[in-house]
Structures are given as structure tokens and as C-alpha cells.
Amino acid sequence: MATGKAYMKYIGMDCGEFRSPIKNMSSDDFARFKEDVKTLEMEEEFSKCFS
């Protein structure tokens, strides 16, 4: 579940944090997530979310 919210935050739709008992992604984890997503080379696809 955290990955879904992370993708939303990545494309600019920050929906906030989860409530307990779901664990939130740490800042360091999110930074690593962003680097991993960049390697997918899907920026063009993500930009279609707002067109």
C-alpha cells in the first residue's frame, strides 16, 4: 500500500500519510523509491496523469 501512495506523491498528488497500523515510507525510503522509479524511464507516462 505504501508504494501506491508513494507513486501518487511522486507524480505530485501527495495524499498524506497512512493511519496505524499501516507503516509509512520513511524519507530515506522515499528518496530511494524516487531513484528506482527514475530508472523505469516512465516520466512521459506519468505526465499523462495531468493532461
PDB file of N, CA and C in Angstrom:
ATOM      1  N   MET A   1       0.811  -1.190   0.000  1.00  0.00           N
ATOM      2  CA  MET A   1       0.000   0.000   0.000  1.00  0.00           C
ATOM      3  C   MET A   1       0.857   1.257   0.000  1.00  0.00           C
ATOM      4  N   ALA A   2       1.936   1.240   0.726  1.00  0.00           N
ATOM      5  CA  ALA A   2       2.796   2.425   0.785  1.00  0.00           C
ATOM      6  C   ALA A   2       3.331   2.762  -0.593  1.00  0.00           C
ATOM      7  N   THR A   3       3.548   1.771  -1.424  1.00  0.00           N
ATOM      8  CA  THR A   3       4.070   2.018  -2.759  1.00  0.00           C
ATOM      9  C   THR A   3       3.065   2.786  -3.606  1.00  0.00           C
ATOM     10  N   GLY A   4       1.790   2.465  -3.476  1.00  0.00           N
ATOM     11  CA  GLY A   4       0.758   3.187  -4.217  1.00  0.00           C
ATOM     12  C   GLY A   4       0.739   4.658  -3.866  1.00  0.00           C
ATOM     13  N   LYS A   5       0.776   4.969  -2.587  1.00  0.00           N
ATOM     14  CA  LYS A   5       0.808   6.371  -2.162  1.00  0.00           C
ATOM     15  C   LYS A   5       2.112   7.035  -2.579  1.00  0.00           C
ATOM     16  N   ALA A   6       3.190   6.273  -2.583  1.00  0.00           N
ATOM     17  CA  ALA A   6       4.480   6.830  -2.996  1.00  0.00           C
ATOM     18  C   ALA A   6       4.434   7.234  -4.468  1.00  0.00           C
ATOM     19  N   TYR A   7       3.830   6.385  -5.326  1.00  0.00           N
ATOM     20  CA  TYR A   7       3.687   6.754  -6.734  1.00  0.00           C
ATOM     21  C   TYR A   7       2.846   8.012  -6.878  1.00  0.00           C
ATOM     22  N   MET A   8       1.783   8.120  -6.130  1.00  0.00           N
ATOM     23  CA  MET A   8       0.932   9.306  -6.200  1.00  0.00           C
ATOM     24  C   MET A   8       1.715  10.551  -5.770  1.00  0.00           C
ATOM     25  N   LYS A   9       2.480  10.422  -4.697  1.00  0.00           N
ATOM     26  CA  LYS A   9       3.302  11.546  -4.231  1.00  0.00           C
ATOM     27  C   LYS A   9       4.349  11.900  -5.282  1.00  0.00           C
ATOM     28  N   TYR A  10       4.916  10.900  -5.904  1.00  0.00           N
ATOM     29  CA  TYR A  10       5.944  11.100  -6.924  1.00  0.00           C
ATOM     30  C   TYR A  10       5.423  11.938  -8.086  1.00  0.00           C
ATOM     31  N   ILE A  11       4.168  11.739  -8.464  1.00  0.00           N
ATOM     32  CA  ILE A  11       3.615  12.488  -9.603  1.00  0.00           C
ATOM     33  C   ILE A  11       2.949  13.791  -9.167  1.00  0.00           C
ATOM     34  N   GLY A  12       3.031  14.096  -7.868  1.00  0.00           N
ATOM     35  CA  GLY A  12       2.536  15.378  -7.398  1.00  0.00           C
ATOM     36  C   GLY A  12       1.203  15.350  -6.676  1.00  0.00           C
ATOM     37  N   MET A  13       0.684  14.175  -6.391  1.00  0.00           N
ATOM     38  CA  MET A  13      -0.584  14.050  -5.681  1.00  0.00           C
ATOM     39  C   MET A  13      -0.325  13.480  -4.283  1.00  0.00           C
ATOM     40  N   ASP A  14       0.204  14.303  -3.402  1.00  0.00           N
ATOM     41  CA  ASP A  14       0.532  13.860  -2.044  1.00  0.00           C
ATOM     42  C   ASP A  14      -0.763  13.719  -1.243  1.00  0.00           C
ATOM     43  N   CYS A  15      -1.108  12.503  -0.910  1.00  0.00           N
ATOM     44  CA  CYS A  15      -2.352  12.219  -0.182  1.00  0.00           C
ATOM     45  C   CYS A  15      -2.120  12.051   1.314  1.00  0.00           C
ATOM     46  N   GLY A  16      -0.947  12.435   1.776  1.00  0.00           N
ATOM     47  CA  GLY A  16      -0.666  12.343   3.203  1.00  0.00           C
ATOM     48  C   GLY A  16      -0.212  10.958   3.627  1.00  0.00           C
ATOM     49  N   GLU A  17      -0.133  10.799   4.926  1.00  0.00           N
ATOM     50  CA  GLU A  17       0.376   9.549   5.478  1.00  0.00           C
ATOM     51  C   GLU A  17      -0.762   8.597   5.828  1.00  0.00           C
ATOM     52  N   PHE A  18      -0.389   7.349   6.000  1.00  0.00           N
ATOM     53  CA  PHE A  18      -1.333   6.327   6.438  1.00  0.00           C
ATOM     54  C   PHE A  18      -1.603   6.462   7.928  1.00  0.00           C
ATOM     55  N   ARG A  19      -2.723   5.971   8.321  1.00  0.00           N
ATOM     56  CA  ARG A  19      -3.006   5.839   9.750  1.00  0.00           C
ATOM     57  C   ARG A  19      -2.562   4.445  10.183  1.00  0.00           C
ATOM     58  N   SER A  20      -2.354   4.287  11.458  1.00  0.00           N
ATOM     59  CA  SER A  20      -1.980   2.997  12.019  1.00  0.00           C
ATOM     60  C   SER A  20      -3.050   1.971  11.650  1.00  0.00           C
ATOM     61  N   PRO A  21      -2.703   0.780  11.341  1.00  0.00           N
ATOM     62  CA  PRO A  21      -1.446   0.057  11.540  1.00  0.00           C
ATOM     63  C   PRO A  21      -0.545   0.028  10.313  1.00  0.00           C
ATOM     64  N   ILE A  22      -0.892   0.731   9.236  1.00  0.00           N
ATOM     65  CA  ILE A  22      -0.078   0.688   8.024  1.00  0.00           C
ATOM     66  C   ILE A  22       1.157   1.562   8.206  1.00  0.00           C
ATOM     67  N   LYS A  23       2.313   0.997   7.890  1.00  0.00           N
ATOM     68  CA  LYS A  23       3.576   1.694   8.077  1.00  0.00           C
ATOM     69  C   LYS A  23       3.823   2.657   6.920  1.00  0.00           C
ATOM     70  N   ASN A  24       4.211   3.879   7.251  1.00  0.00           N
ATOM     71  CA  ASN A  24       4.546   4.880   6.247  1.00  0.00           C
ATOM     72  C   ASN A  24       5.974   4.694   5.765  1.00  0.00           C
ATOM     73  N   MET A  25       6.221   5.127   4.542  1.00  0.00           N
ATOM     74  CA  MET A  25       7.554   5.076   3.968  1.00  0.00           C
ATOM     75  C   MET A  25       8.374   6.221   4.576  1.00  0.00           C
ATOM     76  N   SER A  26       9.573   5.927   5.017  1.00  0.00           N
ATOM     77  CA  SER A  26      10.437   6.970   5.590  1.00  0.00           C
ATOM     78  C   SER A  26      10.944   7.895   4.481  1.00  0.00           C
ATOM     79  N   SER A  27      11.497   9.026   4.859  1.00  0.00           N
ATOM     80  CA  SER A  27      12.058   9.973   3.885  1.00  0.00           C
ATOM     81  C   SER A  27      13.180   9.329   3.087  1.00  0.00           C
ATOM     82  N   ASP A  28      14.009   8.568   3.768  1.00  0.00           N
ATOM     83  CA  ASP A  28      15.108   7.876   3.074  1.00  0.00           C
ATOM     84  C   ASP A  28      14.569   6.839   2.100  1.00  0.00           C
ATOM     85  N   ASP A  29      13.555   6.096   2.528  1.00  0.00           N
ATOM     86  CA  ASP A  29      12.940   5.098   1.645  1.00  0.00           C
ATOM     87  C   ASP A  29      12.323   5.771   0.431  1.00  0.00           C
ATOM     88  N   PHE A  30      11.661   6.923   0.647  1.00  0.00           N
ATOM     89  CA  PHE A  30      11.048   7.622  -0.477  1.00  0.00           C
ATOM     90  C   PHE A  30      12.108   8.139  -1.442  1.00  0.00           C
ATOM     91  N   ALA A  31      13.225   8.608  -0.936  1.00  0.00           N
ATOM     92  CA  ALA A  31      14.316   9.066  -1.805  1.00  0.00           C
ATOM     93  C   ALA A  31      14.833   7.905  -2.656  1.00  0.00           C
ATOM     94  N   ARG A  32      15.000   6.729  -2.053  1.00  0.00           N
ATOM     95  CA  ARG A  32      15.433   5.552  -2.810  1.00  0.00           C
ATOM     96  C   ARG A  32      14.357   5.137  -3.812  1.00  0.00           C
ATOM     97  N   PHE A  33      13.090   5.230  -3.407  1.00  0.00           N
ATOM     98  CA  PHE A  33      11.977   4.903  -4.292  1.00  0.00           C
ATOM     99  C   PHE A  33      12.027   5.799  -5.540  1.00  0.00           C
ATOM    100  N   LYS A  34      12.238   7.101  -5.340  1.00  0.00           N
ATOM    101  CA  LYS A  34      12.286   8.023  -6.476  1.00  0.00           C
ATOM    102  C   LYS A  34      13.410   7.654  -7.440  1.00  0.00           C
ATOM    103  N   GLU A  35      14.558   7.294  -6.900  1.00  0.00           N
ATOM    104  CA  GLU A  35      15.674   6.891  -7.758  1.00  0.00           C
ATOM    105  C   GLU A  35      15.330   5.620  -8.535  1.00  0.00           C
ATOM    106  N   ASP A  36      14.685   4.673  -7.863  1.00  0.00           N
ATOM    107  CA  ASP A  36      14.280   3.436  -8.538  1.00  0.00           C
ATOM    108  C   ASP A  36      13.268   3.718  -9.643  1.00  0.00           C
ATOM    109  N   VAL A  37      12.310   4.596  -9.368  1.00  0.00           N
ATOM    110  CA  VAL A  37      11.288   4.913 -10.362  1.00  0.00           C
ATOM    111  C   VAL A  37      11.914   5.589 -11.580  1.00  0.00           C
ATOM    112  N   LYS A  38      12.894   6.452 -11.356  1.00  0.00           N
ATOM    113  CA  LYS A  38      13.557   7.126 -12.474  1.00  0.00           C
ATOM    114  C   LYS A  38      14.201   6.127 -13.427  1.00  0.00           C
ATOM    115  N   THR A  39      14.682   5.003 -12.901  1.00  0.00           N
ATOM    116  CA  THR A  39      15.309   4.001 -13.761  1.00  0.00           C
ATOM    117  C   THR A  39      14.290   3.310 -14.665  1.00  0.00           C
ATOM    118  N   LEU A  40      13.001   3.426 -14.338  1.00  0.00           N
ATOM    119  CA  LEU A  40      11.955   2.838 -15.181  1.00  0.00           C
ATOM    120  C   LEU A  40      11.714   3.648 -16.452  1.00  0.00           C
ATOM    121  N   GLU A  41      12.208   4.895 -16.474  1.00  0.00           N
ATOM    122  CA  GLU A  41      12.072   5.791 -17.623  1.00  0.00           C
ATOM    123  C   GLU A  41      10.610   5.925 -18.057  1.00  0.00           C
ATOM    124  N   MET A  42       9.754   6.242 -17.085  1.00  0.00           N
ATOM    125  CA  MET A  42       8.321   6.370 -17.354  1.00  0.00           C
ATOM    126  C   MET A  42       7.807   7.792 -17.130  1.00  0.00           C
ATOM    127  N   GLU A  43       8.689   8.779 -17.116  1.00  0.00           N
ATOM    128  CA  GLU A  43       8.273  10.155 -16.859  1.00  0.00           C
ATOM    129  C   GLU A  43       7.189  10.610 -17.831  1.00  0.00           C
ATOM    130  N   GLU A  44       7.313  10.219 -19.080  1.00  0.00           N
ATOM    131  CA  GLU A  44       6.307  10.612 -20.081  1.00  0.00           C
ATOM    132  C   GLU A  44       4.942  10.026 -19.736  1.00  0.00           C
ATOM    133  N   GLU A  45       4.922   8.790 -19.285  1.00  0.00           N
ATOM    134  CA  GLU A  45       3.645   8.166 -18.887  1.00  0.00           C
ATOM    135  C   GLU A  45       3.050   8.854 -17.681  1.00  0.00           C
ATOM    136  N   PHE A  46       3.893   9.191 -16.711  1.00  0.00           N
ATOM    137  CA  PHE A  46       3.398   9.866 -15.511  1.00  0.00           C
ATOM    138  C   PHE A  46       2.838  11.239 -15.849  1.00  0.00           C
ATOM    139  N   SER A  47       3.444  11.913 -16.818  1.00  0.00           N
ATOM    140  CA  SER A  47       2.973  13.247 -17.172  1.00  0.00           C
ATOM    141  C   SER A  47       1.582  13.197 -17.788  1.00  0.00           C
ATOM    142  N   LYS A  48       1.162  12.070 -18.316  1.00  0.00           N
ATOM    143  CA  LYS A  48      -0.179  11.927 -18.893  1.00  0.00           C
ATOM    144  C   LYS A  48      -1.270  11.954 -17.832  1.00  0.00           C
ATOM    145  N   CYS A  49      -0.890  11.781 -16.580  1.00  0.00           N
ATOM    146  CA  CYS A  49      -1.859  11.787 -15.487  1.00  0.00           C
ATOM    147  C   CYS A  49      -2.525  13.145 -15.344  1.00  0.00           C
ATOM    148  N   PHE A  50      -1.853  14.186 -15.797  1.00  0.00           N
ATOM    149  CA  PHE A  50      -2.368  15.540 -15.603  1.00  0.00           C
ATOM    150  C   PHE A  50      -2.680  16.253 -16.908  1.00  0.00           C
ATOM    151  N   SER A  51      -2.742  15.504 -18.000  1.00  0.00           N
ATOM    152  CA  SER A  51      -3.029  16.159 -19.281  1.00  0.00           C
ATOM    153  C   SER A  51      -4.468  16.010 -19.676  1.00  0.00           C
TER     154      SER A  51
END
